[in-house]
Amino acid sequence: MTTNSRTRFLRLLSVLALAAACLCGPPAARAAENDPITWQALRSGAVILFRHATAPGIGDPQNFKLGDCSTQRNLDRTGREEATRIGVAVRAHDVRIGRVLSSQWCRTRETADLAFPGLAREEPIFNSFFDNASNDPKQTAAARALMLGWTGPGALVVVTHQVNITALTGIVPASGEGVVMERDGRDLKVIGRIGPLR
């Protein structure tokens, strides 16, 4: 598959995921936010990949600039409330947070800051490659290596984008949804999903 074809495919996947969420009802009903095994994995030091909370639209405007939030899609009121609820839920389940990483996009940084105040730091390998699929293989390999190297203590929280999570897990998460993974030999396996917490 060529780079342009892959980019079109990833965009189509995002559009179809959004359509499915609208047609099939609240994604929360399909996620395992109350699954004790999922929460126990996090208490034991697993990794959770959160898609940023609700930021209306798809992709970014043509005048997008990484350091300028006014040029980006950003969280709306619903998204900010979702992000806050993520933190509340994690604390309510007694999950110790070891590290919080986010992409450099404003919507991921704000999600991380609202959920886990004062803990987040930027990690470019989790930046979106929605508009540049040629970055996918290198970034995904680096992200996988980082997660495989996580030994705690506590859980590793990553706030990133749908395309990144799909490349790592095969799952198309809803906005604000988390996918929990833990090490399985030399690979990572999905344990469960959390949220979105609406």
N, C-alpha and C. Protein backbone atom coordinates (compact mmCIF):
# COMPACT_ATOMS: atom_id res chain seq x y z
N MET A 1 0.84 -1.18 0.00
CA MET A 1 0.00 0.00 0.00
C MET A 1 0.89 1.24 0.00
N THR A 2 0.61 2.19 -0.90
CA THR A 2 1.42 3.40 -0.97
C THR A 2 1.11 4.30 0.21
N THR A 3 1.98 5.29 0.46
CA THR A 3 1.77 6.23 1.56
C THR A 3 0.46 6.98 1.40
N ASN A 4 0.16 7.45 0.17
CA ASN A 4 -1.09 8.17 -0.06
C ASN A 4 -2.30 7.28 0.15
N SER A 5 -2.20 6.04 -0.30
CA SER A 5 -3.31 5.11 -0.10
C SER A 5 -3.53 4.83 1.38
N ARG A 6 -2.44 4.67 2.11
CA ARG A 6 -2.54 4.41 3.55
C ARG A 6 -3.15 5.59 4.27
N THR A 7 -2.74 6.80 3.89
CA THR A 7 -3.32 8.00 4.50
C THR A 7 -4.81 8.06 4.25
N ARG A 8 -5.24 7.81 3.01
CA ARG A 8 -6.68 7.82 2.70
C ARG A 8 -7.41 6.73 3.49
N PHE A 9 -6.76 5.56 3.64
CA PHE A 9 -7.38 4.46 4.38
C PHE A 9 -7.57 4.84 5.84
N LEU A 10 -6.55 5.45 6.47
CA LEU A 10 -6.65 5.83 7.88
C LEU A 10 -7.73 6.89 8.07
N ARG A 11 -7.82 7.82 7.14
CA ARG A 11 -8.87 8.83 7.24
C ARG A 11 -10.25 8.20 7.12
N LEU A 12 -10.40 7.28 6.17
CA LEU A 12 -11.67 6.58 6.00
C LEU A 12 -12.03 5.80 7.25
N LEU A 13 -11.03 5.15 7.85
CA LEU A 13 -11.25 4.39 9.07
C LEU A 13 -11.78 5.29 10.18
N SER A 14 -11.21 6.48 10.29
CA SER A 14 -11.65 7.43 11.31
C SER A 14 -13.09 7.86 11.07
N VAL A 15 -13.43 8.14 9.82
CA VAL A 15 -14.79 8.56 9.48
C VAL A 15 -15.78 7.43 9.77
N LEU A 16 -15.42 6.21 9.39
CA LEU A 16 -16.31 5.07 9.63
C LEU A 16 -16.49 4.82 11.13
N ALA A 17 -15.42 4.99 11.90
CA ALA A 17 -15.52 4.80 13.36
C ALA A 17 -16.47 5.81 13.97
N LEU A 18 -16.38 7.06 13.51
CA LEU A 18 -17.27 8.09 14.01
C LEU A 18 -18.71 7.78 13.65
N ALA A 19 -18.92 7.34 12.42
CA ALA A 19 -20.28 6.99 11.99
C ALA A 19 -20.84 5.82 12.79
N ALA A 20 -19.99 4.83 13.04
CA ALA A 20 -20.45 3.67 13.82
C ALA A 20 -20.84 4.07 15.23
N ALA A 21 -20.06 4.97 15.82
CA ALA A 21 -20.37 5.42 17.18
C ALA A 21 -21.73 6.12 17.20
N CYS A 22 -22.03 6.90 16.17
CA CYS A 22 -23.30 7.61 16.11
C CYS A 22 -24.47 6.65 15.90
N LEU A 23 -24.27 5.61 15.08
CA LEU A 23 -25.35 4.69 14.74
C LEU A 23 -25.60 3.62 15.78
N CYS A 24 -24.57 3.26 16.53
CA CYS A 24 -24.69 2.11 17.43
C CYS A 24 -24.91 2.49 18.88
N GLY A 25 -25.09 3.76 19.16
CA GLY A 25 -25.34 4.16 20.53
C GLY A 25 -24.05 4.43 21.27
N PRO A 26 -24.15 4.73 22.57
CA PRO A 26 -22.99 5.14 23.35
C PRO A 26 -21.92 4.06 23.40
N PRO A 27 -20.66 4.38 23.04
CA PRO A 27 -19.59 3.38 23.09
C PRO A 27 -19.34 2.87 24.50
N ALA A 28 -19.74 3.64 25.51
CA ALA A 28 -19.49 3.22 26.89
C ALA A 28 -20.09 1.84 27.16
N ALA A 29 -21.21 1.54 26.48
CA ALA A 29 -21.86 0.26 26.70
C ALA A 29 -21.01 -0.90 26.18
N ARG A 30 -20.11 -0.61 25.24
CA ARG A 30 -19.30 -1.67 24.66
C ARG A 30 -17.93 -1.79 25.32
N ALA A 31 -17.56 -0.78 26.13
CA ALA A 31 -16.25 -0.79 26.77
C ALA A 31 -16.35 -1.41 28.16
N ALA A 32 -15.21 -1.87 28.65
CA ALA A 32 -15.20 -2.60 29.93
C ALA A 32 -14.78 -1.70 31.08
N GLU A 33 -15.44 -0.53 31.22
CA GLU A 33 -14.99 0.38 32.25
C GLU A 33 -15.22 -0.17 33.66
N ASN A 34 -16.11 -1.14 33.81
CA ASN A 34 -16.37 -1.72 35.12
C ASN A 34 -15.77 -3.11 35.29
N ASP A 35 -14.95 -3.52 34.35
CA ASP A 35 -14.33 -4.84 34.39
C ASP A 35 -13.22 -4.87 35.44
N PRO A 36 -13.38 -5.67 36.50
CA PRO A 36 -12.36 -5.68 37.57
C PRO A 36 -11.00 -6.15 37.08
N ILE A 37 -10.95 -7.02 36.07
CA ILE A 37 -9.66 -7.50 35.55
C ILE A 37 -8.88 -6.34 34.92
N THR A 38 -9.59 -5.49 34.19
CA THR A 38 -8.95 -4.34 33.55
C THR A 38 -8.36 -3.40 34.59
N TRP A 39 -9.15 -3.08 35.61
CA TRP A 39 -8.66 -2.17 36.65
C TRP A 39 -7.54 -2.81 37.45
N GLN A 40 -7.62 -4.10 37.70
CA GLN A 40 -6.53 -4.77 38.43
C GLN A 40 -5.24 -4.74 37.64
N ALA A 41 -5.33 -4.89 36.32
CA ALA A 41 -4.12 -4.79 35.49
C ALA A 41 -3.48 -3.42 35.64
N LEU A 42 -4.29 -2.37 35.69
CA LEU A 42 -3.75 -1.03 35.88
C LEU A 42 -3.13 -0.88 37.26
N ARG A 43 -3.77 -1.43 38.27
CA ARG A 43 -3.19 -1.36 39.62
C ARG A 43 -1.88 -2.12 39.70
N SER A 44 -1.70 -3.08 38.79
CA SER A 44 -0.47 -3.88 38.78
C SER A 44 0.60 -3.29 37.87
N GLY A 45 0.35 -2.09 37.30
CA GLY A 45 1.38 -1.43 36.51
C GLY A 45 1.27 -1.58 35.01
N ALA A 46 0.08 -1.81 34.50
CA ALA A 46 -0.13 -1.94 33.05
C ALA A 46 -0.02 -0.57 32.37
N VAL A 47 -0.21 -0.58 31.06
CA VAL A 47 -0.19 0.63 30.25
C VAL A 47 -1.61 0.91 29.77
N ILE A 48 -2.01 2.18 29.80
CA ILE A 48 -3.31 2.53 29.22
C ILE A 48 -3.11 3.63 28.19
N LEU A 49 -3.66 3.39 27.00
CA LEU A 49 -3.63 4.35 25.91
C LEU A 49 -5.00 5.02 25.83
N PHE A 50 -5.07 6.29 26.19
CA PHE A 50 -6.32 7.03 26.07
C PHE A 50 -6.33 7.82 24.77
N ARG A 51 -7.43 7.74 24.04
CA ARG A 51 -7.64 8.71 22.97
C ARG A 51 -8.07 10.01 23.64
N HIS A 52 -7.60 11.15 23.14
CA HIS A 52 -8.00 12.43 23.71
C HIS A 52 -9.52 12.50 23.80
N ALA A 53 -10.01 13.31 24.73
CA ALA A 53 -11.44 13.48 24.90
C ALA A 53 -12.04 14.23 23.70
N THR A 54 -13.35 14.41 23.72
CA THR A 54 -14.07 14.94 22.57
C THR A 54 -13.57 16.31 22.11
N ALA A 55 -13.16 16.34 20.85
CA ALA A 55 -12.74 17.57 20.18
C ALA A 55 -13.43 17.54 18.82
N PRO A 56 -14.52 18.25 18.64
CA PRO A 56 -15.33 18.12 17.43
C PRO A 56 -14.54 18.26 16.13
N GLY A 57 -14.89 17.40 15.17
CA GLY A 57 -14.25 17.43 13.87
C GLY A 57 -13.37 16.22 13.65
N ILE A 58 -12.68 16.20 12.51
CA ILE A 58 -11.76 15.13 12.15
C ILE A 58 -10.48 15.76 11.60
N GLY A 59 -9.36 15.27 12.03
CA GLY A 59 -8.09 15.83 11.56
C GLY A 59 -7.87 17.21 12.10
N ASP A 60 -7.08 18.00 11.40
CA ASP A 60 -6.79 19.37 11.83
C ASP A 60 -6.99 20.33 10.67
N PRO A 61 -7.24 21.61 10.97
CA PRO A 61 -7.40 22.61 9.90
C PRO A 61 -6.14 22.71 9.04
N GLN A 62 -6.28 23.25 7.85
CA GLN A 62 -5.14 23.36 6.94
C GLN A 62 -4.05 24.28 7.48
N ASN A 63 -4.41 25.24 8.33
CA ASN A 63 -3.42 26.16 8.88
C ASN A 63 -2.83 25.66 10.20
N PHE A 64 -2.98 24.36 10.45
CA PHE A 64 -2.52 23.75 11.70
C PHE A 64 -1.05 24.06 11.99
N LYS A 65 -0.79 24.49 13.24
CA LYS A 65 0.58 24.68 13.72
C LYS A 65 0.69 24.00 15.08
N LEU A 66 1.72 23.20 15.25
CA LEU A 66 1.85 22.38 16.45
C LEU A 66 1.86 23.21 17.74
N GLY A 67 2.52 24.33 17.75
CA GLY A 67 2.62 25.12 18.98
C GLY A 67 1.53 26.15 19.17
N ASP A 68 0.53 26.15 18.31
CA ASP A 68 -0.51 27.18 18.36
C ASP A 68 -1.88 26.52 18.46
N CYS A 69 -2.43 26.52 19.67
CA CYS A 69 -3.71 25.84 19.90
C CYS A 69 -4.85 26.48 19.11
N SER A 70 -4.73 27.76 18.78
CA SER A 70 -5.80 28.44 18.05
C SER A 70 -5.96 27.89 16.63
N THR A 71 -4.97 27.14 16.13
CA THR A 71 -5.04 26.58 14.78
C THR A 71 -5.46 25.12 14.78
N GLN A 72 -5.76 24.57 15.95
CA GLN A 72 -6.02 23.14 16.08
C GLN A 72 -7.47 22.86 16.49
N ARG A 73 -7.88 21.61 16.30
CA ARG A 73 -9.10 21.13 16.95
C ARG A 73 -8.81 21.03 18.44
N ASN A 74 -9.73 21.51 19.23
CA ASN A 74 -9.52 21.48 20.68
C ASN A 74 -10.71 20.86 21.38
N LEU A 75 -10.53 20.52 22.65
CA LEU A 75 -11.63 19.97 23.44
C LEU A 75 -12.74 21.00 23.54
N ASP A 76 -13.97 20.51 23.47
CA ASP A 76 -15.10 21.37 23.77
C ASP A 76 -15.50 21.14 25.22
N ARG A 77 -16.61 21.69 25.63
CA ARG A 77 -17.04 21.54 27.03
C ARG A 77 -17.22 20.06 27.38
N THR A 78 -17.84 19.31 26.48
CA THR A 78 -18.03 17.88 26.72
C THR A 78 -16.69 17.18 26.89
N GLY A 79 -15.74 17.52 26.04
CA GLY A 79 -14.41 16.92 26.13
C GLY A 79 -13.72 17.23 27.44
N ARG A 80 -13.83 18.46 27.88
CA ARG A 80 -13.18 18.82 29.16
C ARG A 80 -13.82 18.07 30.32
N GLU A 81 -15.14 17.90 30.27
CA GLU A 81 -15.82 17.13 31.32
C GLU A 81 -15.40 15.66 31.28
N GLU A 82 -15.30 15.10 30.07
CA GLU A 82 -14.84 13.71 29.92
C GLU A 82 -13.44 13.54 30.50
N ALA A 83 -12.55 14.47 30.18
CA ALA A 83 -11.17 14.37 30.65
C ALA A 83 -11.11 14.40 32.17
N THR A 84 -11.89 15.26 32.77
CA THR A 84 -11.93 15.33 34.24
C THR A 84 -12.43 14.02 34.83
N ARG A 85 -13.46 13.43 34.20
CA ARG A 85 -14.01 12.17 34.70
C ARG A 85 -13.01 11.02 34.58
N ILE A 86 -12.12 11.07 33.58
CA ILE A 86 -11.09 10.04 33.47
C ILE A 86 -10.27 10.00 34.75
N GLY A 87 -9.80 11.17 35.17
CA GLY A 87 -9.00 11.24 36.38
C GLY A 87 -9.75 10.79 37.62
N VAL A 88 -11.01 11.18 37.72
CA VAL A 88 -11.84 10.78 38.86
C VAL A 88 -11.97 9.27 38.92
N ALA A 89 -12.23 8.64 37.77
CA ALA A 89 -12.40 7.19 37.73
C ALA A 89 -11.12 6.45 38.10
N VAL A 90 -10.00 6.92 37.56
CA VAL A 90 -8.72 6.26 37.86
C VAL A 90 -8.41 6.36 39.35
N ARG A 91 -8.63 7.52 39.94
CA ARG A 91 -8.38 7.67 41.38
C ARG A 91 -9.35 6.83 42.20
N ALA A 92 -10.61 6.75 41.75
CA ALA A 92 -11.61 5.96 42.48
C ALA A 92 -11.27 4.48 42.50
N HIS A 93 -10.51 4.01 41.50
CA HIS A 93 -10.12 2.60 41.44
C HIS A 93 -8.72 2.36 42.00
N ASP A 94 -8.22 3.35 42.74
CA ASP A 94 -6.93 3.21 43.46
C ASP A 94 -5.77 2.82 42.55
N VAL A 95 -5.75 3.41 41.35
CA VAL A 95 -4.66 3.13 40.42
C VAL A 95 -3.51 4.11 40.71
N ARG A 96 -2.35 3.57 40.97
CA ARG A 96 -1.17 4.41 41.17
C ARG A 96 -0.62 4.79 39.80
N ILE A 97 -0.42 6.06 39.58
CA ILE A 97 0.08 6.54 38.29
C ILE A 97 1.60 6.69 38.37
N GLY A 98 2.28 5.98 37.49
CA GLY A 98 3.73 6.06 37.45
C GLY A 98 4.22 7.18 36.56
N ARG A 99 3.58 7.33 35.40
CA ARG A 99 3.99 8.35 34.44
C ARG A 99 2.81 8.65 33.53
N VAL A 100 2.71 9.91 33.11
CA VAL A 100 1.67 10.33 32.16
C VAL A 100 2.38 10.99 30.98
N LEU A 101 2.16 10.45 29.79
CA LEU A 101 2.74 10.99 28.56
C LEU A 101 1.61 11.42 27.63
N SER A 102 1.84 12.48 26.88
CA SER A 102 0.84 12.88 25.88
C SER A 102 1.55 13.29 24.61
N SER A 103 0.79 13.27 23.52
CA SER A 103 1.32 13.83 22.28
C SER A 103 1.44 15.34 22.47
N GLN A 104 1.99 16.02 21.48
CA GLN A 104 2.19 17.47 21.58
C GLN A 104 0.98 18.26 21.09
N TRP A 105 -0.09 17.58 20.65
CA TRP A 105 -1.30 18.27 20.22
C TRP A 105 -2.01 18.86 21.43
N CYS A 106 -2.63 20.01 21.25
CA CYS A 106 -3.29 20.69 22.38
C CYS A 106 -4.40 19.85 23.00
N ARG A 107 -5.16 19.13 22.17
CA ARG A 107 -6.28 18.36 22.71
C ARG A 107 -5.82 17.17 23.56
N THR A 108 -4.67 16.60 23.24
CA THR A 108 -4.15 15.52 24.09
C THR A 108 -3.54 16.07 25.36
N ARG A 109 -2.83 17.19 25.23
CA ARG A 109 -2.22 17.79 26.41
C ARG A 109 -3.29 18.24 27.40
N GLU A 110 -4.36 18.84 26.89
CA GLU A 110 -5.42 19.30 27.79
C GLU A 110 -6.13 18.12 28.44
N THR A 111 -6.37 17.06 27.67
CA THR A 111 -6.98 15.85 28.26
C THR A 111 -6.11 15.33 29.40
N ALA A 112 -4.82 15.22 29.16
CA ALA A 112 -3.91 14.71 30.19
C ALA A 112 -3.86 15.63 31.40
N ASP A 113 -3.81 16.94 31.16
CA ASP A 113 -3.70 17.89 32.27
C ASP A 113 -4.97 17.92 33.12
N LEU A 114 -6.13 17.80 32.49
CA LEU A 114 -7.38 17.79 33.25
C LEU A 114 -7.55 16.49 34.03
N ALA A 115 -7.15 15.39 33.43
CA ALA A 115 -7.30 14.09 34.10
C ALA A 115 -6.26 13.88 35.19
N PHE A 116 -5.03 14.31 34.91
CA PHE A 116 -3.91 14.04 35.81
C PHE A 116 -3.10 15.32 36.02
N PRO A 117 -3.65 16.28 36.76
CA PRO A 117 -3.02 17.60 36.88
C PRO A 117 -1.57 17.52 37.37
N GLY A 118 -0.72 18.23 36.65
CA GLY A 118 0.68 18.36 37.05
C GLY A 118 1.57 17.17 36.74
N LEU A 119 1.03 16.12 36.12
CA LEU A 119 1.81 14.90 35.90
C LEU A 119 2.26 14.70 34.45
N ALA A 120 1.57 15.32 33.51
CA ALA A 120 1.81 14.99 32.09
C ALA A 120 3.07 15.65 31.55
N ARG A 121 3.74 14.91 30.65
CA ARG A 121 4.82 15.50 29.87
C ARG A 121 4.66 15.03 28.43
N GLU A 122 5.14 15.86 27.52
CA GLU A 122 4.98 15.57 26.10
C GLU A 122 5.95 14.48 25.64
N GLU A 123 5.45 13.61 24.76
CA GLU A 123 6.28 12.57 24.15
C GLU A 123 5.94 12.52 22.66
N PRO A 124 6.83 13.07 21.81
CA PRO A 124 6.53 13.19 20.38
C PRO A 124 6.25 11.87 19.66
N ILE A 125 6.72 10.75 20.17
CA ILE A 125 6.44 9.50 19.45
C ILE A 125 4.95 9.14 19.48
N PHE A 126 4.17 9.84 20.32
CA PHE A 126 2.73 9.61 20.34
C PHE A 126 1.97 10.71 19.59
N ASN A 127 2.69 11.55 18.83
CA ASN A 127 2.04 12.56 17.99
C ASN A 127 1.23 11.88 16.88
N SER A 128 0.16 12.54 16.47
CA SER A 128 -0.69 12.01 15.40
C SER A 128 0.05 11.93 14.07
N PHE A 129 -0.17 10.83 13.35
CA PHE A 129 0.33 10.76 11.97
C PHE A 129 -0.84 10.66 10.99
N PHE A 130 -1.97 11.21 11.40
CA PHE A 130 -3.18 11.19 10.58
C PHE A 130 -2.93 11.78 9.19
N ASP A 131 -2.18 12.90 9.14
CA ASP A 131 -1.93 13.57 7.87
C ASP A 131 -0.61 13.18 7.24
N ASN A 132 0.12 12.26 7.86
CA ASN A 132 1.40 11.83 7.30
C ASN A 132 1.65 10.38 7.68
N ALA A 133 0.98 9.48 6.98
CA ALA A 133 1.05 8.06 7.31
C ALA A 133 2.45 7.47 7.14
N SER A 134 3.33 8.17 6.47
CA SER A 134 4.70 7.66 6.32
C SER A 134 5.41 7.59 7.66
N ASN A 135 4.92 8.36 8.65
CA ASN A 135 5.53 8.32 9.98
C ASN A 135 5.06 7.12 10.81
N ASP A 136 3.99 6.46 10.36
CA ASP A 136 3.37 5.38 11.13
C ASP A 136 4.35 4.28 11.55
N PRO A 137 5.07 3.61 10.64
CA PRO A 137 5.89 2.47 11.06
C PRO A 137 6.96 2.84 12.11
N LYS A 138 7.65 3.95 11.88
CA LYS A 138 8.71 4.35 12.80
C LYS A 138 8.15 4.74 14.16
N GLN A 139 7.11 5.56 14.16
CA GLN A 139 6.52 5.99 15.43
C GLN A 139 5.90 4.82 16.18
N THR A 140 5.20 3.96 15.47
CA THR A 140 4.54 2.84 16.13
C THR A 140 5.57 1.90 16.76
N ALA A 141 6.66 1.64 16.06
CA ALA A 141 7.72 0.79 16.61
C ALA A 141 8.34 1.43 17.84
N ALA A 142 8.57 2.74 17.81
CA ALA A 142 9.15 3.43 18.96
C ALA A 142 8.18 3.44 20.15
N ALA A 143 6.90 3.65 19.86
CA ALA A 143 5.90 3.64 20.92
C ALA A 143 5.80 2.26 21.56
N ARG A 144 5.80 1.22 20.72
CA ARG A 144 5.73 -0.15 21.24
C ARG A 144 6.95 -0.46 22.12
N ALA A 145 8.13 -0.02 21.69
CA ALA A 145 9.34 -0.26 22.47
C ALA A 145 9.27 0.45 23.82
N LEU A 146 8.77 1.67 23.81
CA LEU A 146 8.64 2.42 25.06
C LEU A 146 7.70 1.70 26.02
N MET A 147 6.56 1.25 25.50
CA MET A 147 5.59 0.57 26.36
C MET A 147 6.12 -0.77 26.86
N LEU A 148 6.82 -1.50 25.99
CA LEU A 148 7.39 -2.78 26.41
C LEU A 148 8.45 -2.60 27.50
N GLY A 149 9.10 -1.45 27.50
CA GLY A 149 10.12 -1.18 28.49
C GLY A 149 9.60 -0.67 29.82
N TRP A 150 8.29 -0.44 29.89
CA TRP A 150 7.72 0.09 31.13
C TRP A 150 7.73 -0.97 32.23
N THR A 151 8.32 -0.63 33.35
CA THR A 151 8.38 -1.56 34.49
C THR A 151 7.81 -0.95 35.76
N GLY A 152 7.21 0.22 35.65
CA GLY A 152 6.63 0.85 36.82
C GLY A 152 7.67 1.61 37.62
N PRO A 153 7.38 1.85 38.89
CA PRO A 153 6.15 1.46 39.59
C PRO A 153 4.95 2.28 39.12
N GLY A 154 3.79 1.67 39.25
CA GLY A 154 2.56 2.32 38.85
C GLY A 154 2.25 2.09 37.38
N ALA A 155 1.11 2.62 36.96
CA ALA A 155 0.65 2.47 35.58
C ALA A 155 1.25 3.56 34.69
N LEU A 156 1.45 3.23 33.44
CA LEU A 156 1.86 4.20 32.43
C LEU A 156 0.61 4.65 31.68
N VAL A 157 0.35 5.94 31.73
CA VAL A 157 -0.80 6.53 31.03
C VAL A 157 -0.28 7.29 29.81
N VAL A 158 -0.86 6.99 28.65
CA VAL A 158 -0.51 7.70 27.42
C VAL A 158 -1.78 8.30 26.84
N VAL A 159 -1.76 9.60 26.56
CA VAL A 159 -2.90 10.25 25.91
C VAL A 159 -2.47 10.60 24.50
N THR A 160 -3.15 10.00 23.53
CA THR A 160 -2.72 10.11 22.14
C THR A 160 -3.93 10.19 21.22
N HIS A 161 -3.81 9.66 20.03
CA HIS A 161 -4.81 9.83 18.97
C HIS A 161 -5.32 8.48 18.47
N GLN A 162 -6.48 8.52 17.81
CA GLN A 162 -7.09 7.28 17.32
C GLN A 162 -6.15 6.52 16.39
N VAL A 163 -5.50 7.21 15.44
CA VAL A 163 -4.66 6.48 14.49
C VAL A 163 -3.50 5.77 15.18
N ASN A 164 -2.95 6.40 16.21
CA ASN A 164 -1.84 5.79 16.94
C ASN A 164 -2.30 4.55 17.70
N ILE A 165 -3.45 4.68 18.37
CA ILE A 165 -3.96 3.55 19.15
C ILE A 165 -4.36 2.40 18.23
N THR A 166 -4.97 2.72 17.10
CA THR A 166 -5.36 1.67 16.15
C THR A 166 -4.13 0.95 15.61
N ALA A 167 -3.08 1.70 15.31
CA ALA A 167 -1.85 1.07 14.81
C ALA A 167 -1.23 0.15 15.84
N LEU A 168 -1.35 0.49 17.12
CA LEU A 168 -0.75 -0.31 18.19
C LEU A 168 -1.61 -1.48 18.64
N THR A 169 -2.93 -1.34 18.51
CA THR A 169 -3.82 -2.34 19.11
C THR A 169 -4.81 -2.98 18.15
N GLY A 170 -5.05 -2.35 17.00
CA GLY A 170 -6.10 -2.81 16.10
C GLY A 170 -7.48 -2.35 16.51
N ILE A 171 -7.57 -1.57 17.57
CA ILE A 171 -8.85 -1.08 18.09
C ILE A 171 -9.05 0.36 17.65
N VAL A 172 -10.28 0.70 17.27
CA VAL A 172 -10.64 2.08 16.96
C VAL A 172 -11.40 2.63 18.17
N PRO A 173 -10.70 3.38 19.04
CA PRO A 173 -11.35 3.84 20.27
C PRO A 173 -12.21 5.07 20.04
N ALA A 174 -13.21 5.24 20.89
CA ALA A 174 -14.00 6.47 20.89
C ALA A 174 -13.20 7.56 21.58
N SER A 175 -13.61 8.80 21.40
CA SER A 175 -12.97 9.89 22.12
C SER A 175 -13.08 9.66 23.62
N GLY A 176 -11.96 9.80 24.33
CA GLY A 176 -11.96 9.61 25.77
C GLY A 176 -11.90 8.16 26.22
N GLU A 177 -11.82 7.23 25.29
CA GLU A 177 -11.75 5.81 25.66
C GLU A 177 -10.31 5.37 25.85
N GLY A 178 -10.09 4.47 26.79
CA GLY A 178 -8.76 3.94 27.05
C GLY A 178 -8.67 2.46 26.72
N VAL A 179 -7.52 2.06 26.21
CA VAL A 179 -7.23 0.65 25.92
C VAL A 179 -6.09 0.22 26.84
N VAL A 180 -6.32 -0.80 27.66
CA VAL A 180 -5.34 -1.25 28.63
C VAL A 180 -4.54 -2.42 28.06
N MET A 181 -3.22 -2.31 28.16
CA MET A 181 -2.33 -3.34 27.63
C MET A 181 -1.30 -3.71 28.69
N GLU A 182 -0.84 -4.95 28.62
CA GLU A 182 0.26 -5.36 29.49
C GLU A 182 1.21 -6.26 28.71
N ARG A 183 2.41 -6.36 29.24
CA ARG A 183 3.44 -7.16 28.57
C ARG A 183 3.07 -8.63 28.58
N ASP A 184 3.31 -9.27 27.44
CA ASP A 184 3.08 -10.71 27.29
C ASP A 184 4.28 -11.27 26.55
N GLY A 185 5.30 -11.67 27.31
CA GLY A 185 6.55 -12.09 26.70
C GLY A 185 7.24 -10.91 26.06
N ARG A 186 7.48 -11.01 24.75
CA ARG A 186 8.13 -9.91 24.02
C ARG A 186 7.13 -9.02 23.30
N ASP A 187 5.87 -9.15 23.64
CA ASP A 187 4.83 -8.36 22.97
C ASP A 187 3.91 -7.77 24.02
N LEU A 188 2.92 -7.03 23.55
CA LEU A 188 1.90 -6.45 24.41
C LEU A 188 0.55 -7.04 24.03
N LYS A 189 -0.28 -7.28 25.01
CA LYS A 189 -1.62 -7.78 24.72
C LYS A 189 -2.66 -6.86 25.35
N VAL A 190 -3.81 -6.77 24.69
CA VAL A 190 -4.91 -5.95 25.18
C VAL A 190 -5.62 -6.70 26.29
N ILE A 191 -5.80 -6.02 27.43
CA ILE A 191 -6.49 -6.61 28.58
C ILE A 191 -7.95 -6.19 28.60
N GLY A 192 -8.20 -4.96 28.25
CA GLY A 192 -9.58 -4.46 28.28
C GLY A 192 -9.64 -3.00 27.89
N ARG A 193 -10.85 -2.44 27.99
CA ARG A 193 -11.07 -1.05 27.60
C ARG A 193 -11.82 -0.33 28.70
N ILE A 194 -11.56 0.97 28.81
CA ILE A 194 -12.18 1.79 29.85
C ILE A 194 -12.83 3.01 29.20
N GLY A 195 -14.10 3.21 29.52
CA GLY A 195 -14.79 4.41 29.06
C GLY A 195 -15.31 4.26 27.64
N PRO A 196 -15.60 5.39 27.00
CA PRO A 196 -15.46 6.74 27.51
C PRO A 196 -16.43 7.03 28.66
N LEU A 197 -15.99 7.83 29.61
CA LEU A 197 -16.73 8.05 30.84
C LEU A 197 -17.61 9.27 30.70
N ARG A 198 -18.85 9.03 30.26
CA ARG A 198 -19.78 10.15 30.01
C ARG A 198 -20.87 10.17 31.04
